[in-house]
C-alpha atoms as a PDB file:
ATOM      1  CA  MET A   1      18.454  25.980   1.618  1.00  0.00           C
ATOM      2  CA  GLU A   2      20.606  24.564   4.421  1.00  0.00           C
ATOM      3  CA  TYR A   3      18.714  26.653   6.980  1.00  0.00           C
ATOM      4  CA  ALA A   4      15.364  25.409   5.682  1.00  0.00           C
ATOM      5  CA  ALA A   5      16.486  21.785   5.901  1.00  0.00           C
ATOM      6  CA  SER A   6      17.756  22.388   9.434  1.00  0.00           C
ATOM      7  CA  PHE A   7      14.499  24.104  10.417  1.00  0.00           C
ATOM      8  CA  TRP A   8      12.308  21.243   9.131  1.00  0.00           C
ATOM      9  CA  ALA A   9      14.522  18.576  10.738  1.00  0.00           C
ATOM     10  CA  GLN A  10      14.186  20.328  14.114  1.00  0.00           C
ATOM     11  CA  TYR A  11      10.468  20.911  13.595  1.00  0.00           C
ATOM     12  CA  PHE A  12       9.703  17.215  12.945  1.00  0.00           C
ATOM     13  CA  ALA A  13      12.061  16.066  15.711  1.00  0.00           C
ATOM     14  CA  THR A  14      10.174  18.174  18.288  1.00  0.00           C
ATOM     15  CA  TYR A  15       6.643  18.296  16.919  1.00  0.00           C
ATOM     16  CA  ILE A  16       5.624  15.687  19.469  1.00  0.00           C
ATOM     17  CA  THR A  17       7.987  14.247  22.045  1.00  0.00           C
ATOM     18  CA  GLU A  18       7.875  11.465  24.608  1.00  0.00           C
ATOM     19  CA  GLU A  19       7.391  14.116  27.264  1.00  0.00           C
ATOM     20  CA  ASP A  20       4.215  15.225  25.461  1.00  0.00           C
ATOM     21  CA  ILE A  21       2.934  11.653  25.380  1.00  0.00           C
ATOM     22  CA  ALA A  22       3.759  11.174  29.076  1.00  0.00           C
ATOM     23  CA  TRP A  23       1.820  14.359  29.913  1.00  0.00           C
ATOM     24  CA  ILE A  24      -1.173  13.220  27.836  1.00  0.00           C
ATOM     25  CA  ALA A  25      -1.205   9.872  29.679  1.00  0.00           C
ATOM     26  CA  ALA A  26      -0.811  11.630  33.046  1.00  0.00           C
ATOM     27  CA  GLN A  27      -3.945  13.684  32.256  1.00  0.00           C
ATOM     28  CA  GLY A  28      -5.902  10.424  32.058  1.00  0.00           C
ATOM     29  CA  MET A  29      -6.321  10.356  28.295  1.00  0.00           C
ATOM     30  CA  ASN A  30      -6.174   6.940  26.680  1.00  0.00           C
ATOM     31  CA  SER A  31      -5.384   7.722  23.066  1.00  0.00           C
ATOM     32  CA  VAL A  32      -3.573  10.032  20.668  1.00  0.00           C
ATOM     33  CA  ARG A  33      -4.763  10.761  17.141  1.00  0.00           C
ATOM     34  CA  LEU A  34      -1.607  10.962  15.111  1.00  0.00           C
ATOM     35  CA  ALA A  35      -2.052  13.011  11.949  1.00  0.00           C
ATOM     36  CA  LEU A  36      -0.162  11.551   8.998  1.00  0.00           C
ATOM     37  CA  ASN A  37       0.762  13.328   5.770  1.00  0.00           C
ATOM     38  CA  SER A  38       0.958  10.954   2.814  1.00  0.00           C
ATOM     39  CA  ARG A  39       3.546  13.018   0.945  1.00  0.00           C
ATOM     40  CA  LEU A  40       5.801  13.111   4.019  1.00  0.00           C
ATOM     41  CA  LEU A  41       5.421   9.450   5.043  1.00  0.00           C
ATOM     42  CA  PHE A  42       5.451   7.761   1.640  1.00  0.00           C
ATOM     43  CA  LYS A  43       7.230   7.841  -1.704  1.00  0.00           C
ATOM     44  CA  VAL A  44       5.122   7.100  -4.757  1.00  0.00           C
ATOM     45  CA  ALA A  45       7.023   6.030  -7.868  1.00  0.00           C
ATOM     46  CA  HIS A  46       5.852   6.850 -11.388  1.00  0.00           C
ATOM     47  CA  ASP A  47       4.585   3.293 -11.748  1.00  0.00           C
ATOM     48  CA  GLY A  48       2.444   3.706  -8.612  1.00  0.00           C
ATOM     49  CA  THR A  49       4.673   1.702  -6.294  1.00  0.00           C
ATOM     50  CA  VAL A  50       4.326   3.026  -2.751  1.00  0.00           C
ATOM     51  CA  THR A  51       7.142   2.786  -0.156  1.00  0.00           C
ATOM     52  CA  PHE A  52       7.802   4.365   3.209  1.00  0.00           C
ATOM     53  CA  ARG A  53      10.177   7.278   3.637  1.00  0.00           C
ATOM     54  CA  ALA A  54      12.425   5.872   6.362  1.00  0.00           C
ATOM     55  CA  SER A  55      12.993   9.197   8.126  1.00  0.00           C
ATOM     56  CA  ALA A  56       9.273   9.900   8.439  1.00  0.00           C
ATOM     57  CA  LEU A  57       8.403   6.308   9.392  1.00  0.00           C
ATOM     58  CA  HIS A  58      10.973   6.571  12.201  1.00  0.00           C
ATOM     59  CA  LEU A  59       8.996   9.521  13.628  1.00  0.00           C
ATOM     60  CA  VAL A  60       5.732   7.547  13.570  1.00  0.00           C
ATOM     61  CA  ASP A  61       7.425   4.458  15.049  1.00  0.00           C
ATOM     62  CA  SER A  62       8.852   6.625  17.851  1.00  0.00           C
ATOM     63  CA  CYS A  63       5.452   8.050  18.710  1.00  0.00           C
ATOM     64  CA  VAL A  64       3.881   4.559  18.683  1.00  0.00           C
ATOM     65  CA  ALA A  65       6.626   3.287  20.998  1.00  0.00           C
ATOM     66  CA  TRP A  66       6.161   6.206  23.414  1.00  0.00           C
ATOM     67  CA  CYS A  67       2.405   5.673  23.491  1.00  0.00           C
ATOM     68  CA  LYS A  68       2.891   1.973  24.196  1.00  0.00           C
ATOM     69  CA  ARG A  69       5.399   2.780  26.962  1.00  0.00           C
ATOM     70  CA  HIS A  70       2.909   5.159  28.578  1.00  0.00           C
ATOM     71  CA  GLY A  71      -0.163   2.927  28.135  1.00  0.00           C
ATOM     72  CA  ILE A  72      -2.161   4.829  25.541  1.00  0.00           C
ATOM     73  CA  TYR A  73      -3.418   3.952  22.083  1.00  0.00           C
ATOM     74  CA  VAL A  74      -2.488   5.572  18.784  1.00  0.00           C
ATOM     75  CA  ILE A  75      -5.131   6.272  16.162  1.00  0.00           C
ATOM     76  CA  LEU A  76      -3.392   6.657  12.817  1.00  0.00           C
ATOM     77  CA  ASP A  77      -5.096   9.497  10.937  1.00  0.00           C
ATOM     78  CA  MET A  78      -4.305   9.947   7.240  1.00  0.00           C
ATOM     79  CA  HIS A  79      -4.917  13.656   7.609  1.00  0.00           C
ATOM     80  CA  GLY A  80      -3.222  14.522   4.306  1.00  0.00           C
ATOM     81  CA  ALA A  81      -4.398  11.788   1.942  1.00  0.00           C
ATOM     82  CA  PRO A  82      -3.123  11.533  -1.656  1.00  0.00           C
ATOM     83  CA  GLY A  83      -4.761  14.266  -3.725  1.00  0.00           C
ATOM     84  CA  GLY A  84      -6.365  15.841  -0.681  1.00  0.00           C
ATOM     85  CA  GLN A  85      -9.844  15.299   0.660  1.00  0.00           C
ATOM     86  CA  THR A  86     -11.040  18.894   1.252  1.00  0.00           C
ATOM     87  CA  GLY A  87      -9.541  21.156  -1.344  1.00  0.00           C
ATOM     88  CA  GLN A  88      -7.940  23.197   1.433  1.00  0.00           C
ATOM     89  CA  ASN A  89      -4.380  23.493   2.647  1.00  0.00           C
ATOM     90  CA  ILE A  90      -5.133  21.516   5.792  1.00  0.00           C
ATOM     91  CA  ASP A  91      -4.920  18.249   3.878  1.00  0.00           C
ATOM     92  CA  ASP A  92      -1.883  19.197   1.744  1.00  0.00           C
ATOM     93  CA  CYS A  93      -3.715  18.990  -1.560  1.00  0.00           C
ATOM     94  CA  GLU A  94      -1.555  20.294  -4.356  1.00  0.00           C
ATOM     95  CA  HIS A  95      -4.240  21.801  -6.601  1.00  0.00           C
ATOM     96  CA  ASP A  96      -6.782  23.111  -4.054  1.00  0.00           C
ATOM     97  CA  ARG A  97      -9.340  20.455  -5.079  1.00  0.00           C
ATOM     98  CA  PRO A  98     -10.392  17.280  -3.241  1.00  0.00           C
ATOM     99  CA  GLU A  99      -8.784  15.054  -5.870  1.00  0.00           C
ATOM    100  CA  LEU A 100      -8.946  11.945  -3.708  1.00  0.00           C
ATOM    101  CA  PHE A 101     -12.576  11.700  -4.767  1.00  0.00           C
ATOM    102  CA  THR A 102     -12.085  12.368  -8.463  1.00  0.00           C
ATOM    103  CA  ASN A 103      -8.835  10.561  -9.208  1.00  0.00           C
ATOM    104  CA  GLU A 104      -8.757   6.761  -9.003  1.00  0.00           C
ATOM    105  CA  ALA A 105      -4.977   6.770  -8.962  1.00  0.00           C
ATOM    106  CA  HIS A 106      -5.052   8.713  -5.683  1.00  0.00           C
ATOM    107  CA  GLN A 107      -7.584   6.239  -4.305  1.00  0.00           C
ATOM    108  CA  ASP A 108      -5.372   3.305  -5.340  1.00  0.00           C
ATOM    109  CA  THR A 109      -2.410   5.020  -3.732  1.00  0.00           C
ATOM    110  CA  LEU A 110      -4.322   5.507  -0.467  1.00  0.00           C
ATOM    111  CA  VAL A 111      -5.251   1.827  -0.434  1.00  0.00           C
ATOM    112  CA  GLU A 112      -1.593   0.897  -0.914  1.00  0.00           C
ATOM    113  CA  MET A 113      -0.533   3.228   1.870  1.00  0.00           C
ATOM    114  CA  TRP A 114      -3.001   1.664   4.304  1.00  0.00           C
ATOM    115  CA  LYS A 115      -1.797  -1.783   3.266  1.00  0.00           C
ATOM    116  CA  LEU A 116       1.798  -0.811   4.066  1.00  0.00           C
ATOM    117  CA  LEU A 117       0.748   0.631   7.416  1.00  0.00           C
ATOM    118  CA  ALA A 118      -1.314  -2.480   8.266  1.00  0.00           C
ATOM    119  CA  GLN A 119       1.610  -4.740   7.377  1.00  0.00           C
ATOM    120  CA  HIS A 120       4.117  -2.619   9.278  1.00  0.00           C
ATOM    121  CA  TYR A 121       2.014  -2.437  12.456  1.00  0.00           C
ATOM    122  CA  ARG A 122       0.326  -5.871  12.247  1.00  0.00           C
ATOM    123  CA  GLU A 123       1.721  -6.956  15.627  1.00  0.00           C
ATOM    124  CA  GLU A 124       1.592  -3.561  17.367  1.00  0.00           C
ATOM    125  CA  THR A 125      -0.907  -3.547  20.247  1.00  0.00           C
ATOM    126  CA  ALA A 126      -0.618   0.234  20.769  1.00  0.00           C
ATOM    127  CA  ILE A 127      -2.430   0.886  17.470  1.00  0.00           C
ATOM    128  CA  GLY A 128      -6.033   1.474  18.447  1.00  0.00           C
ATOM    129  CA  GLY A 129      -7.366   2.163  14.976  1.00  0.00           C
ATOM    130  CA  ALA A 130      -6.931   4.096  11.811  1.00  0.00           C
ATOM    131  CA  ALA A 131      -8.862   6.808  10.020  1.00  0.00           C
ATOM    132  CA  THR A 132      -9.050   8.725   6.789  1.00  0.00           C
ATOM    133  CA  GLU A 133     -11.202  11.785   6.992  1.00  0.00           C
ATOM    134  CA  LEU A 134     -13.102  11.418   3.774  1.00  0.00           C
ATOM    135  CA  PHE A 135     -16.134  13.485   4.621  1.00  0.00           C
ATOM    136  CA  ARG A 136     -14.917  16.877   5.779  1.00  0.00           C
ATOM    137  CA  ARG A 137     -16.907  19.847   4.612  1.00  0.00           C
ATOM    138  CA  ILE A 138     -15.631  21.190   1.339  1.00  0.00           C
ATOM    139  CA  ARG A 139     -15.581  24.982   1.639  1.00  0.00           C
ATOM    140  CA  THR A 140     -13.398  26.369  -1.106  1.00  0.00           C
ATOM    141  CA  GLU A 141     -14.761  27.977  -4.210  1.00  0.00           C
ATOM    142  CA  ALA A 142     -12.702  25.668  -6.404  1.00  0.00           C
ATOM    143  CA  ALA A 143     -14.133  22.625  -4.645  1.00  0.00           C
ATOM    144  CA  ALA A 144     -17.667  23.978  -4.932  1.00  0.00           C
ATOM    145  CA  THR A 145     -17.406  23.856  -8.738  1.00  0.00           C
ATOM    146  CA  LEU A 146     -16.798  20.090  -8.718  1.00  0.00           C
ATOM    147  CA  PRO A 147     -19.663  17.639  -8.815  1.00  0.00           C
ATOM    148  CA  PRO A 148     -20.482  16.150  -5.408  1.00  0.00           C
ATOM    149  CA  PRO A 149     -17.912  13.483  -4.605  1.00  0.00           C
ATOM    150  CA  ASP A 150     -18.915   9.853  -4.807  1.00  0.00           C
ATOM    151  CA  CYS A 151     -17.462   8.983  -1.438  1.00  0.00           C
ATOM    152  CA  GLY A 152     -19.046   5.552  -1.222  1.00  0.00           C
ATOM    153  CA  ASN A 153     -16.538   3.810  -3.449  1.00  0.00           C
ATOM    154  CA  SER A 154     -13.609   5.606  -1.829  1.00  0.00           C
ATOM    155  CA  ARG A 155     -14.914   4.713   1.633  1.00  0.00           C
ATOM    156  CA  ASP A 156     -15.435   1.073   0.754  1.00  0.00           C
ATOM    157  CA  ARG A 157     -11.958   0.809  -0.803  1.00  0.00           C
ATOM    158  CA  CYS A 158     -10.428   2.505   2.224  1.00  0.00           C
ATOM    159  CA  LYS A 159     -12.227   0.161   4.652  1.00  0.00           C
ATOM    160  CA  ALA A 160     -11.072  -2.869   2.719  1.00  0.00           C
ATOM    161  CA  SER A 161      -7.476  -1.668   2.661  1.00  0.00           C
ATOM    162  CA  HIS A 162      -6.968  -1.856   6.416  1.00  0.00           C
ATOM    163  CA  ARG A 163      -6.585  -5.629   6.152  1.00  0.00           C
ATOM    164  CA  PHE A 164      -3.640  -7.036   4.269  1.00  0.00           C
ATOM    165  CA  GLY A 165      -2.140 -10.449   4.614  1.00  0.00           C
ATOM    166  CA  GLY A 166      -3.936 -11.019   7.889  1.00  0.00           C
ATOM    167  CA  ALA A 167      -2.788  -7.636   9.201  1.00  0.00           C
ATOM    168  CA  ALA A 168      -5.241  -5.283  10.765  1.00  0.00           C
ATOM    169  CA  LEU A 169      -4.895  -1.806  12.201  1.00  0.00           C
ATOM    170  CA  GLY A 170      -6.426  -1.879  15.652  1.00  0.00           C
ATOM    171  CA  ASP A 171     -10.038  -2.878  16.075  1.00  0.00           C
ATOM    172  CA  GLY A 172     -11.106  -1.291  12.832  1.00  0.00           C
ATOM    173  CA  LEU A 173     -10.728   1.440  10.320  1.00  0.00           C
ATOM    174  CA  PHE A 174     -12.942   4.458  10.712  1.00  0.00           C
ATOM    175  CA  CYS A 175     -13.620   6.498   7.608  1.00  0.00           C
ATOM    176  CA  LEU A 176     -15.183   9.722   8.749  1.00  0.00           C
END
C-alpha cells in the first residue's frame, strides 16, 4: 500500500512539469488542454456538496502558473466527468456506462464543479476556456444498450455553469 501511494504521488508530481510547458511554448504553441478528472480533483459529500481536493488543485494551479509564466493559455478539460460520458475507461466511469447523461445527480455535480472552477480562476488570465466532452462516440456494448442520451439538457446546464458570481472561465465554455 505504501509503495502504491508513493508511486501515485510521483506520477502526479511528474505527469506534466514546468519544463514540459516551457518546451510547448518554445515550439510556438499557444495553449495546453489540461485534462481534469472529477474524482481526483473534487470531493463529493453524500449531501452533494462539492469541494476541491487540495492536493489535486495544487497540481492544476501549478500548471496554470507555469502556462502563465511561459505565455500560453490553459483550456480546462473535464475529461473524466462525474458518471463518465462515454462508458469507457478513458473517462473514469465507474460502471462502464455514460451515466452523466442518465443521472441528474451527476449533471448537478458537474455544474457545481464548473462553478467552483469558475470562482477559483475568476481572475486568472491564463485560462483560455473550459470544456466538457459530452459528445464522444459511445462504443461499448453496455453503452449501446442505453437509449440515446439527451445531451441537450446536459449541454445547456454545462454552458450555464461556467458563469458563477460574475466569474467566467476564459472566453467561453465549449461543450464538445
